[in-house]
Amino acid sequence: QVKLVESGGGLVQPGGSLRLSCVASGSIFYINRMGWYRQAP
């Protein structure tokens, strides 16, 4: 199993910046692609 721990989200004003982080742990040796998706209501 692989565990993904995310951080960095929050509330910002238009024009602002955020940096998201995702740390993978567990059986990570065969992972090829990592990325970010988003979903709005």
PDB file of all heavy atoms in Angstrom:
ATOM      1  N   GLN A   1       0.823  -1.189   0.000  1.00  0.00           N
ATOM      2  CA  GLN A   1       0.000   0.000   0.000  1.00  0.00           C
ATOM      3  C   GLN A   1       0.865   1.249   0.000  1.00  0.00           C
ATOM      4  O   GLN A   1       1.983   1.235   0.508  1.00  0.00           O
ATOM      5  CB  GLN A   1      -0.928   0.027   1.224  1.00  0.00           C
ATOM      6  CG  GLN A   1      -2.018  -1.018   1.198  1.00  0.00           C
ATOM      7  CD  GLN A   1      -3.070  -0.702   0.143  1.00  0.00           C
ATOM      8  OE1 GLN A   1      -3.299   0.464  -0.176  1.00  0.00           O
ATOM      9  NE2 GLN A   1      -3.689  -1.742  -0.396  1.00  0.00           N
ATOM     10  N   VAL A   2       0.331   2.307  -0.585  1.00  0.00           N
ATOM     11  CA  VAL A   2       0.985   3.601  -0.625  1.00  0.00           C
ATOM     12  C   VAL A   2       0.109   4.602   0.101  1.00  0.00           C
ATOM     13  O   VAL A   2      -1.106   4.670  -0.132  1.00  0.00           O
ATOM     14  CB  VAL A   2       1.245   4.062  -2.067  1.00  0.00           C
ATOM     15  CG1 VAL A   2       1.738   5.505  -2.091  1.00  0.00           C
ATOM     16  CG2 VAL A   2       2.261   3.148  -2.738  1.00  0.00           C
ATOM     17  N   LYS A   3       0.719   5.385   0.967  1.00  0.00           N
ATOM     18  CA  LYS A   3       0.025   6.451   1.669  1.00  0.00           C
ATOM     19  C   LYS A   3       0.500   7.789   1.133  1.00  0.00           C
ATOM     20  O   LYS A   3       1.705   8.019   1.011  1.00  0.00           O
ATOM     21  CB  LYS A   3       0.277   6.371   3.177  1.00  0.00           C
ATOM     22  CG  LYS A   3      -0.436   7.437   3.984  1.00  0.00           C
ATOM     23  CD  LYS A   3      -0.141   7.285   5.464  1.00  0.00           C
ATOM     24  CE  LYS A   3      -0.835   8.350   6.288  1.00  0.00           C
ATOM     25  NZ  LYS A   3      -0.522   8.220   7.739  1.00  0.00           N
ATOM     26  N   LEU A   4      -0.436   8.655   0.821  1.00  0.00           N
ATOM     27  CA  LEU A   4      -0.139   9.985   0.317  1.00  0.00           C
ATOM     28  C   LEU A   4      -0.632  11.005   1.330  1.00  0.00           C
ATOM     29  O   LEU A   4      -1.812  11.010   1.685  1.00  0.00           O
ATOM     30  CB  LEU A   4      -0.806  10.224  -1.031  1.00  0.00           C
ATOM     31  CG  LEU A   4      -0.482   9.216  -2.139  1.00  0.00           C
ATOM     32  CD1 LEU A   4      -1.304   9.514  -3.391  1.00  0.00           C
ATOM     33  CD2 LEU A   4       1.005   9.242  -2.464  1.00  0.00           C
ATOM     34  N   VAL A   5       0.268  11.859   1.793  1.00  0.00           N
ATOM     35  CA  VAL A   5      -0.052  12.871   2.786  1.00  0.00           C
ATOM     36  C   VAL A   5       0.123  14.237   2.159  1.00  0.00           C
ATOM     37  O   VAL A   5       1.228  14.600   1.746  1.00  0.00           O
ATOM     38  CB  VAL A   5       0.824  12.735   4.044  1.00  0.00           C
ATOM     39  CG1 VAL A   5       0.475  13.818   5.053  1.00  0.00           C
ATOM     40  CG2 VAL A   5       0.653  11.359   4.661  1.00  0.00           C
ATOM     41  N   GLU A   6      -0.956  14.999   2.102  1.00  0.00           N
ATOM     42  CA  GLU A   6      -0.978  16.289   1.448  1.00  0.00           C
ATOM     43  C   GLU A   6      -0.963  17.418   2.466  1.00  0.00           C
ATOM     44  O   GLU A   6      -1.456  17.262   3.588  1.00  0.00           O
ATOM     45  CB  GLU A   6      -2.228  16.415   0.570  1.00  0.00           C
ATOM     46  CG  GLU A   6      -2.315  15.348  -0.503  1.00  0.00           C
ATOM     47  CD  GLU A   6      -3.722  15.150  -1.008  1.00  0.00           C
ATOM     48  OE1 GLU A   6      -4.648  15.112  -0.172  1.00  0.00           O
ATOM     49  OE2 GLU A   6      -3.891  15.050  -2.241  1.00  0.00           O
ATOM     50  N   SER A   7      -0.445  18.548   2.042  1.00  0.00           N
ATOM     51  CA  SER A   7      -0.464  19.746   2.861  1.00  0.00           C
ATOM     52  C   SER A   7      -0.361  20.965   1.960  1.00  0.00           C
ATOM     53  O   SER A   7       0.015  20.859   0.793  1.00  0.00           O
ATOM     54  CB  SER A   7       0.671  19.746   3.892  1.00  0.00           C
ATOM     55  OG  SER A   7       1.939  19.724   3.254  1.00  0.00           O
ATOM     56  N   GLY A   8      -0.693  22.121   2.502  1.00  0.00           N
ATOM     57  CA  GLY A   8      -0.485  23.372   1.799  1.00  0.00           C
ATOM     58  C   GLY A   8      -1.723  24.091   1.323  1.00  0.00           C
ATOM     59  O   GLY A   8      -1.629  25.232   0.858  1.00  0.00           O
ATOM     60  N   GLY A   9      -2.881  23.467   1.419  1.00  0.00           N
ATOM     61  CA  GLY A   9      -4.103  24.135   1.002  1.00  0.00           C
ATOM     62  C   GLY A   9      -4.487  25.239   1.957  1.00  0.00           C
ATOM     63  O   GLY A   9      -3.950  25.364   3.054  1.00  0.00           O
ATOM     64  N   GLY A  10      -5.429  26.062   1.523  1.00  0.00           N
ATOM     65  CA  GLY A  10      -5.879  27.148   2.369  1.00  0.00           C
ATOM     66  C   GLY A  10      -6.702  28.156   1.610  1.00  0.00           C
ATOM     67  O   GLY A  10      -7.131  27.917   0.476  1.00  0.00           O
ATOM     68  N   LEU A  11      -6.921  29.291   2.247  1.00  0.00           N
ATOM     69  CA  LEU A  11      -7.692  30.392   1.689  1.00  0.00           C
ATOM     70  C   LEU A  11      -6.740  31.503   1.271  1.00  0.00           C
ATOM     71  O   LEU A  11      -5.926  31.963   2.078  1.00  0.00           O
ATOM     72  CB  LEU A  11      -8.692  30.916   2.725  1.00  0.00           C
ATOM     73  CG  LEU A  11      -9.462  32.189   2.368  1.00  0.00           C
ATOM     74  CD1 LEU A  11     -10.369  31.948   1.178  1.00  0.00           C
ATOM     75  CD2 LEU A  11     -10.252  32.665   3.581  1.00  0.00           C
ATOM     76  N   VAL A  12      -6.841  31.911   0.023  1.00  0.00           N
ATOM     77  CA  VAL A  12      -6.007  32.996  -0.490  1.00  0.00           C
ATOM     78  C   VAL A  12      -6.854  33.947  -1.318  1.00  0.00           C
ATOM     79  O   VAL A  12      -7.916  33.582  -1.829  1.00  0.00           O
ATOM     80  CB  VAL A  12      -4.823  32.485  -1.343  1.00  0.00           C
ATOM     81  CG1 VAL A  12      -3.874  31.640  -0.503  1.00  0.00           C
ATOM     82  CG2 VAL A  12      -5.331  31.697  -2.536  1.00  0.00           C
ATOM     83  N   GLN A  13      -6.366  35.166  -1.459  1.00  0.00           N
ATOM     84  CA  GLN A  13      -7.018  36.147  -2.309  1.00  0.00           C
ATOM     85  C   GLN A  13      -6.641  35.935  -3.766  1.00  0.00           C
ATOM     86  O   GLN A  13      -5.587  35.361  -4.067  1.00  0.00           O
ATOM     87  CB  GLN A  13      -6.638  37.557  -1.870  1.00  0.00           C
ATOM     88  CG  GLN A  13      -7.110  37.925  -0.476  1.00  0.00           C
ATOM     89  CD  GLN A  13      -6.779  39.358  -0.118  1.00  0.00           C
ATOM     90  OE1 GLN A  13      -6.195  40.096  -0.913  1.00  0.00           O
ATOM     91  NE2 GLN A  13      -7.151  39.766   1.081  1.00  0.00           N
ATOM     92  N   PRO A  14      -7.483  36.377  -4.691  1.00  0.00           N
ATOM     93  CA  PRO A  14      -7.098  36.312  -6.098  1.00  0.00           C
ATOM     94  C   PRO A  14      -5.740  36.962  -6.334  1.00  0.00           C
ATOM     95  O   PRO A  14      -5.449  38.028  -5.795  1.00  0.00           O
ATOM     96  CB  PRO A  14      -8.215  37.073  -6.808  1.00  0.00           C
ATOM     97  CG  PRO A  14      -9.396  36.901  -5.908  1.00  0.00           C
ATOM     98  CD  PRO A  14      -8.837  36.921  -4.511  1.00  0.00           C
ATOM     99  N   GLY A  15      -4.923  36.298  -7.143  1.00  0.00           N
ATOM    100  CA  GLY A  15      -3.573  36.764  -7.393  1.00  0.00           C
ATOM    101  C   GLY A  15      -2.543  36.212  -6.437  1.00  0.00           C
ATOM    102  O   GLY A  15      -1.336  36.380  -6.669  1.00  0.00           O
ATOM    103  N   GLY A  16      -2.983  35.553  -5.389  1.00  0.00           N
ATOM    104  CA  GLY A  16      -2.080  34.990  -4.408  1.00  0.00           C
ATOM    105  C   GLY A  16      -1.481  33.674  -4.848  1.00  0.00           C
ATOM    106  O   GLY A  16      -1.735  33.181  -5.946  1.00  0.00           O
ATOM    107  N   SER A  17      -0.691  33.087  -3.953  1.00  0.00           N
ATOM    108  CA  SER A  17       0.034  31.861  -4.255  1.00  0.00           C
ATOM    109  C   SER A  17      -0.114  30.849  -3.131  1.00  0.00           C
ATOM    110  O   SER A  17      -0.287  31.206  -1.963  1.00  0.00           O
ATOM    111  CB  SER A  17       1.526  32.147  -4.457  1.00  0.00           C
ATOM    112  OG  SER A  17       1.752  33.005  -5.556  1.00  0.00           O
ATOM    113  N   LEU A  18      -0.040  29.586  -3.500  1.00  0.00           N
ATOM    114  CA  LEU A  18       0.020  28.480  -2.562  1.00  0.00           C
ATOM    115  C   LEU A  18       0.977  27.443  -3.103  1.00  0.00           C
ATOM    116  O   LEU A  18       1.137  27.308  -4.324  1.00  0.00           O
ATOM    117  CB  LEU A  18      -1.345  27.829  -2.351  1.00  0.00           C
ATOM    118  CG  LEU A  18      -2.394  28.560  -1.517  1.00  0.00           C
ATOM    119  CD1 LEU A  18      -3.721  27.814  -1.597  1.00  0.00           C
ATOM    120  CD2 LEU A  18      -1.941  28.682  -0.069  1.00  0.00           C
ATOM    121  N   ARG A  19       1.587  26.696  -2.205  1.00  0.00           N
ATOM    122  CA  ARG A  19       2.429  25.576  -2.582  1.00  0.00           C
ATOM    123  C   ARG A  19       1.908  24.320  -1.907  1.00  0.00           C
ATOM    124  O   ARG A  19       1.924  24.215  -0.683  1.00  0.00           O
ATOM    125  CB  ARG A  19       3.885  25.806  -2.179  1.00  0.00           C
ATOM    126  CG  ARG A  19       4.856  24.775  -2.764  1.00  0.00           C
ATOM    127  CD  ARG A  19       6.201  24.841  -2.085  1.00  0.00           C
ATOM    128  NE  ARG A  19       7.234  24.117  -2.817  1.00  0.00           N
ATOM    129  CZ  ARG A  19       8.355  23.657  -2.270  1.00  0.00           C
ATOM    130  NH1 ARG A  19       8.598  23.851  -0.981  1.00  0.00           N
ATOM    131  NH2 ARG A  19       9.245  23.019  -3.014  1.00  0.00           N
ATOM    132  N   LEU A  20       1.450  23.378  -2.710  1.00  0.00           N
ATOM    133  CA  LEU A  20       0.965  22.109  -2.204  1.00  0.00           C
ATOM    134  C   LEU A  20       2.091  21.085  -2.187  1.00  0.00           C
ATOM    135  O   LEU A  20       2.935  21.059  -3.084  1.00  0.00           O
ATOM    136  CB  LEU A  20      -0.181  21.577  -3.067  1.00  0.00           C
ATOM    137  CG  LEU A  20      -1.367  22.516  -3.311  1.00  0.00           C
ATOM    138  CD1 LEU A  20      -2.437  21.802  -4.125  1.00  0.00           C
ATOM    139  CD2 LEU A  20      -1.935  23.036  -1.991  1.00  0.00           C
ATOM    140  N   SER A  21       2.080  20.243  -1.168  1.00  0.00           N
ATOM    141  CA  SER A  21       3.065  19.181  -1.044  1.00  0.00           C
ATOM    142  C   SER A  21       2.353  17.854  -0.850  1.00  0.00           C
ATOM    143  O   SER A  21       1.302  17.788  -0.218  1.00  0.00           O
ATOM    144  CB  SER A  21       4.000  19.429   0.146  1.00  0.00           C
ATOM    145  OG  SER A  21       4.722  20.632  -0.001  1.00  0.00           O
ATOM    146  N   CYS A  22       2.949  16.804  -1.372  1.00  0.00           N
ATOM    147  CA  CYS A  22       2.419  15.458  -1.203  1.00  0.00           C
ATOM    148  C   CYS A  22       3.588  14.514  -0.986  1.00  0.00           C
ATOM    149  O   CYS A  22       4.456  14.391  -1.857  1.00  0.00           O
ATOM    150  CB  CYS A  22       1.608  15.034  -2.424  1.00  0.00           C
ATOM    151  SG  CYS A  22       1.025  13.316  -2.383  1.00  0.00           S
ATOM    152  N   VAL A  23       3.595  13.857   0.156  1.00  0.00           N
ATOM    153  CA  VAL A  23       4.648  12.919   0.506  1.00  0.00           C
ATOM    154  C   VAL A  23       4.102  11.501   0.400  1.00  0.00           C
ATOM    155  O   VAL A  23       3.066  11.186   1.001  1.00  0.00           O
ATOM    156  CB  VAL A  23       5.189  13.175   1.918  1.00  0.00           C
ATOM    157  CG1 VAL A  23       6.294  12.166   2.251  1.00  0.00           C
ATOM    158  CG2 VAL A  23       5.718  14.594   2.041  1.00  0.00           C
ATOM    159  N   ALA A  24       4.782  10.664  -0.349  1.00  0.00           N
ATOM    160  CA  ALA A  24       4.389   9.273  -0.517  1.00  0.00           C
ATOM    161  C   ALA A  24       5.225   8.378   0.387  1.00  0.00           C
ATOM    162  O   ALA A  24       6.441   8.553   0.510  1.00  0.00           O
ATOM    163  CB  ALA A  24       4.555   8.841  -1.970  1.00  0.00           C
ATOM    164  N   SER A  25       4.566   7.418   1.002  1.00  0.00           N
ATOM    165  CA  SER A  25       5.256   6.452   1.840  1.00  0.00           C
ATOM    166  C   SER A  25       4.658   5.075   1.615  1.00  0.00           C
ATOM    167  O   SER A  25       3.568   4.940   1.062  1.00  0.00           O
ATOM    168  CB  SER A  25       5.178   6.837   3.316  1.00  0.00           C
ATOM    169  OG  SER A  25       3.840   6.872   3.771  1.00  0.00           O
ATOM    170  N   GLY A  26       5.379   4.051   2.046  1.00  0.00           N
ATOM    171  CA  GLY A  26       4.931   2.690   1.855  1.00  0.00           C
ATOM    172  C   GLY A  26       5.657   2.030   0.700  1.00  0.00           C
ATOM    173  O   GLY A  26       6.856   2.210   0.521  1.00  0.00           O
ATOM    174  N   SER A  27       4.916   1.287  -0.102  1.00  0.00           N
ATOM    175  CA  SER A  27       5.485   0.553  -1.231  1.00  0.00           C
ATOM    176  C   SER A  27       5.607   1.466  -2.441  1.00  0.00           C
ATOM    177  O   SER A  27       4.844   1.361  -3.412  1.00  0.00           O
ATOM    178  CB  SER A  27       4.628  -0.673  -1.547  1.00  0.00           C
ATOM    179  OG  SER A  27       4.537  -1.535  -0.431  1.00  0.00           O
ATOM    180  N   ILE A  28       6.577   2.358  -2.391  1.00  0.00           N
ATOM    181  CA  ILE A  28       6.696   3.428  -3.383  1.00  0.00           C
ATOM    182  C   ILE A  28       7.687   3.129  -4.495  1.00  0.00           C
ATOM    183  O   ILE A  28       7.831   3.938  -5.407  1.00  0.00           O
ATOM    184  CB  ILE A  28       7.076   4.760  -2.693  1.00  0.00           C
ATOM    185  CG1 ILE A  28       8.308   4.602  -1.793  1.00  0.00           C
ATOM    186  CG2 ILE A  28       5.884   5.239  -1.859  1.00  0.00           C
ATOM    187  CD1 ILE A  28       9.631   4.735  -2.471  1.00  0.00           C
ATOM    188  N   PHE A  29       8.323   1.989  -4.461  1.00  0.00           N
ATOM    189  CA  PHE A  29       9.440   1.740  -5.366  1.00  0.00           C
ATOM    190  C   PHE A  29       9.030   1.639  -6.825  1.00  0.00           C
ATOM    191  O   PHE A  29       9.842   1.930  -7.711  1.00  0.00           O
ATOM    192  CB  PHE A  29      10.180   0.472  -4.942  1.00  0.00           C
ATOM    193  CG  PHE A  29      10.702   0.524  -3.543  1.00  0.00           C
ATOM    194  CD1 PHE A  29      10.074  -0.180  -2.525  1.00  0.00           C
ATOM    195  CD2 PHE A  29      11.809   1.289  -3.242  1.00  0.00           C
ATOM    196  CE1 PHE A  29      10.555  -0.132  -1.229  1.00  0.00           C
ATOM    197  CE2 PHE A  29      12.301   1.352  -1.950  1.00  0.00           C
ATOM    198  CZ  PHE A  29      11.672   0.641  -0.942  1.00  0.00           C
ATOM    199  N   TYR A  30       7.807   1.234  -7.104  1.00  0.00           N
ATOM    200  CA  TYR A  30       7.363   1.043  -8.475  1.00  0.00           C
ATOM    201  C   TYR A  30       6.500   2.181  -9.000  1.00  0.00           C
ATOM    202  O   TYR A  30       6.013   2.109 -10.128  1.00  0.00           O
ATOM    203  CB  TYR A  30       6.599  -0.275  -8.602  1.00  0.00           C
ATOM    204  CG  TYR A  30       7.455  -1.474  -8.292  1.00  0.00           C
ATOM    205  CD1 TYR A  30       7.335  -2.141  -7.084  1.00  0.00           C
ATOM    206  CD2 TYR A  30       8.392  -1.925  -9.215  1.00  0.00           C
ATOM    207  CE1 TYR A  30       8.131  -3.235  -6.791  1.00  0.00           C
ATOM    208  CE2 TYR A  30       9.190  -3.022  -8.931  1.00  0.00           C
ATOM    209  CZ  TYR A  30       9.058  -3.673  -7.721  1.00  0.00           C
ATOM    210  OH  TYR A  30       9.849  -4.764  -7.446  1.00  0.00           O
ATOM    211  N   ILE A  31       6.313   3.238  -8.212  1.00  0.00           N
ATOM    212  CA  ILE A  31       5.523   4.377  -8.664  1.00  0.00           C
ATOM    213  C   ILE A  31       6.239   5.092  -9.798  1.00  0.00           C
ATOM    214  O   ILE A  31       7.430   5.381  -9.715  1.00  0.00           O
ATOM    215  CB  ILE A  31       5.246   5.344  -7.508  1.00  0.00           C
ATOM    216  CG1 ILE A  31       4.283   4.706  -6.505  1.00  0.00           C
ATOM    217  CG2 ILE A  31       4.680   6.659  -8.030  1.00  0.00           C
ATOM    218  CD1 ILE A  31       4.039   5.543  -5.276  1.00  0.00           C
ATOM    219  N   ASN A  32       5.508   5.363 -10.855  1.00  0.00           N
ATOM    220  CA  ASN A  32       6.064   6.077 -12.000  1.00  0.00           C
ATOM    221  C   ASN A  32       5.606   7.531 -12.041  1.00  0.00           C
ATOM    222  O   ASN A  32       6.423   8.446 -12.058  1.00  0.00           O
ATOM    223  CB  ASN A  32       5.687   5.376 -13.302  1.00  0.00           C
ATOM    224  CG  ASN A  32       6.195   6.130 -14.521  1.00  0.00           C
ATOM    225  OD1 ASN A  32       5.412   6.700 -15.280  1.00  0.00           O
ATOM    226  ND2 ASN A  32       7.508   6.126 -14.709  1.00  0.00           N
ATOM    227  N   ARG A  33       4.301   7.737 -12.061  1.00  0.00           N
ATOM    228  CA  ARG A  33       3.744   9.075 -12.179  1.00  0.00           C
ATOM    229  C   ARG A  33       3.153   9.553 -10.852  1.00  0.00           C
ATOM    230  O   ARG A  33       2.497   8.796 -10.145  1.00  0.00           O
ATOM    231  CB  ARG A  33       2.647   9.118 -13.234  1.00  0.00           C
ATOM    232  CG  ARG A  33       3.135   8.896 -14.652  1.00  0.00           C
ATOM    233  CD  ARG A  33       1.972   8.927 -15.634  1.00  0.00           C
ATOM    234  NE  ARG A  33       2.417   8.748 -17.006  1.00  0.00           N
ATOM    235  CZ  ARG A  33       2.752   9.735 -17.824  1.00  0.00           C
ATOM    236  NH1 ARG A  33       2.694  10.994 -17.405  1.00  0.00           N
ATOM    237  NH2 ARG A  33       3.142   9.471 -19.062  1.00  0.00           N
ATOM    238  N   MET A  34       3.379  10.805 -10.546  1.00  0.00           N
ATOM    239  CA  MET A  34       2.706  11.473  -9.455  1.00  0.00           C
ATOM    240  C   MET A  34       2.144  12.783  -9.981  1.00  0.00           C
ATOM    241  O   MET A  34       2.718  13.386 -10.889  1.00  0.00           O
ATOM    242  CB  MET A  34       3.641  11.741  -8.276  1.00  0.00           C
ATOM    243  CG  MET A  34       4.168  10.484  -7.616  1.00  0.00           C
ATOM    244  SD  MET A  34       5.117  10.814  -6.107  1.00  0.00           S
ATOM    245  CE  MET A  34       3.805  11.380  -5.007  1.00  0.00           C
ATOM    246  N   GLY A  35       1.026  13.185  -9.422  1.00  0.00           N
ATOM    247  CA  GLY A  35       0.435  14.405  -9.923  1.00  0.00           C
ATOM    248  C   GLY A  35      -0.668  14.940  -9.047  1.00  0.00           C
ATOM    249  O   GLY A  35      -0.915  14.449  -7.939  1.00  0.00           O
ATOM    250  N   TRP A  36      -1.308  15.968  -9.567  1.00  0.00           N
ATOM    251  CA  TRP A  36      -2.378  16.657  -8.863  1.00  0.00           C
ATOM    252  C   TRP A  36      -3.613  16.735  -9.740  1.00  0.00           C
ATOM    253  O   TRP A  36      -3.533  17.096 -10.921  1.00  0.00           O
ATOM    254  CB  TRP A  36      -1.954  18.077  -8.464  1.00  0.00           C
ATOM    255  CG  TRP A  36      -0.856  18.098  -7.445  1.00  0.00           C
ATOM    256  CD1 TRP A  36       0.474  18.174  -7.671  1.00  0.00           C
ATOM    257  CD2 TRP A  36      -1.021  18.054  -6.031  1.00  0.00           C
ATOM    258  NE1 TRP A  36       1.165  18.169  -6.491  1.00  0.00           N
ATOM    259  CE2 TRP A  36       0.271  18.099  -5.464  1.00  0.00           C
ATOM    260  CE3 TRP A  36      -2.121  17.979  -5.181  1.00  0.00           C
ATOM    261  CZ2 TRP A  36       0.485  18.069  -4.086  1.00  0.00           C
ATOM    262  CZ3 TRP A  36      -1.906  17.951  -3.814  1.00  0.00           C
ATOM    263  CH2 TRP A  36      -0.625  17.998  -3.283  1.00  0.00           C
ATOM    264  N   TYR A  37      -4.738  16.379  -9.146  1.00  0.00           N
ATOM    265  CA  TYR A  37      -6.048  16.550  -9.748  1.00  0.00           C
ATOM    266  C   TYR A  37      -6.850  17.508  -8.883  1.00  0.00           C
ATOM    267  O   TYR A  37      -6.515  17.740  -7.730  1.00  0.00           O
ATOM    268  CB  TYR A  37      -6.776  15.212  -9.849  1.00  0.00           C
ATOM    269  CG  TYR A  37      -6.206  14.248 -10.870  1.00  0.00           C
ATOM    270  CD1 TYR A  37      -4.976  13.636 -10.670  1.00  0.00           C
ATOM    271  CD2 TYR A  37      -6.917  13.943 -12.025  1.00  0.00           C
ATOM    272  CE1 TYR A  37      -4.457  12.749 -11.602  1.00  0.00           C
ATOM    273  CE2 TYR A  37      -6.410  13.053 -12.958  1.00  0.00           C
ATOM    274  CZ  TYR A  37      -5.177  12.459 -12.737  1.00  0.00           C
ATOM    275  OH  TYR A  37      -4.677  11.573 -13.664  1.00  0.00           O
ATOM    276  N   ARG A  38      -7.907  18.038  -9.434  1.00  0.00           N
ATOM    277  CA  ARG A  38      -8.792  18.867  -8.635  1.00  0.00           C
ATOM    278  C   ARG A  38     -10.238  18.583  -9.000  1.00  0.00           C
ATOM    279  O   ARG A  38     -10.548  18.159 -10.110  1.00  0.00           O
ATOM    280  CB  ARG A  38      -8.478  20.352  -8.801  1.00  0.00           C
ATOM    281  CG  ARG A  38      -8.792  20.934 -10.168  1.00  0.00           C
ATOM    282  CD  ARG A  38      -8.309  22.374 -10.236  1.00  0.00           C
ATOM    283  NE  ARG A  38      -8.601  22.991 -11.521  1.00  0.00           N
ATOM    284  CZ  ARG A  38      -8.133  24.170 -11.899  1.00  0.00           C
ATOM    285  NH1 ARG A  38      -7.347  24.879 -11.093  1.00  0.00           N
ATOM    286  NH2 ARG A  38      -8.461  24.654 -13.094  1.00  0.00           N
ATOM    287  N   GLN A  39     -11.105  18.826  -8.033  1.00  0.00           N
ATOM    288  CA  GLN A  39     -12.524  18.615  -8.237  1.00  0.00           C
ATOM    289  C   GLN A  39     -13.304  19.697  -7.500  1.00  0.00           C
ATOM    290  O   GLN A  39     -13.172  19.844  -6.287  1.00  0.00           O
ATOM    291  CB  GLN A  39     -12.953  17.237  -7.747  1.00  0.00           C
ATOM    292  CG  GLN A  39     -14.385  16.889  -8.099  1.00  0.00           C
ATOM    293  CD  GLN A  39     -14.684  15.413  -7.926  1.00  0.00           C
ATOM    294  OE1 GLN A  39     -13.997  14.706  -7.198  1.00  0.00           O
ATOM    295  NE2 GLN A  39     -15.712  14.948  -8.606  1.00  0.00           N
ATOM    296  N   ALA A  40     -14.080  20.437  -8.251  1.00  0.00           N
ATOM    297  CA  ALA A  40     -14.963  21.441  -7.696  1.00  0.00           C
ATOM    298  C   ALA A  40     -16.373  20.876  -7.629  1.00  0.00           C
ATOM    299  O   ALA A  40     -16.720  19.965  -8.392  1.00  0.00           O
ATOM    300  CB  ALA A  40     -14.930  22.709  -8.543  1.00  0.00           C
ATOM    301  N   PRO A  41     -17.212  21.397  -6.732  1.00  0.00           N
ATOM    302  CA  PRO A  41     -18.584  20.896  -6.633  1.00  0.00           C
ATOM    303  C   PRO A  41     -19.315  20.945  -7.971  1.00  0.00           C
ATOM    304  O   PRO A  41     -19.288  21.959  -8.669  1.00  0.00           O
ATOM    305  CB  PRO A  41     -19.230  21.837  -5.613  1.00  0.00           C
ATOM    306  CG  PRO A  41     -18.093  22.306  -4.768  1.00  0.00           C
ATOM    307  CD  PRO A  41     -16.936  22.426  -5.723  1.00  0.00           C
TER     308      PRO A  41
END
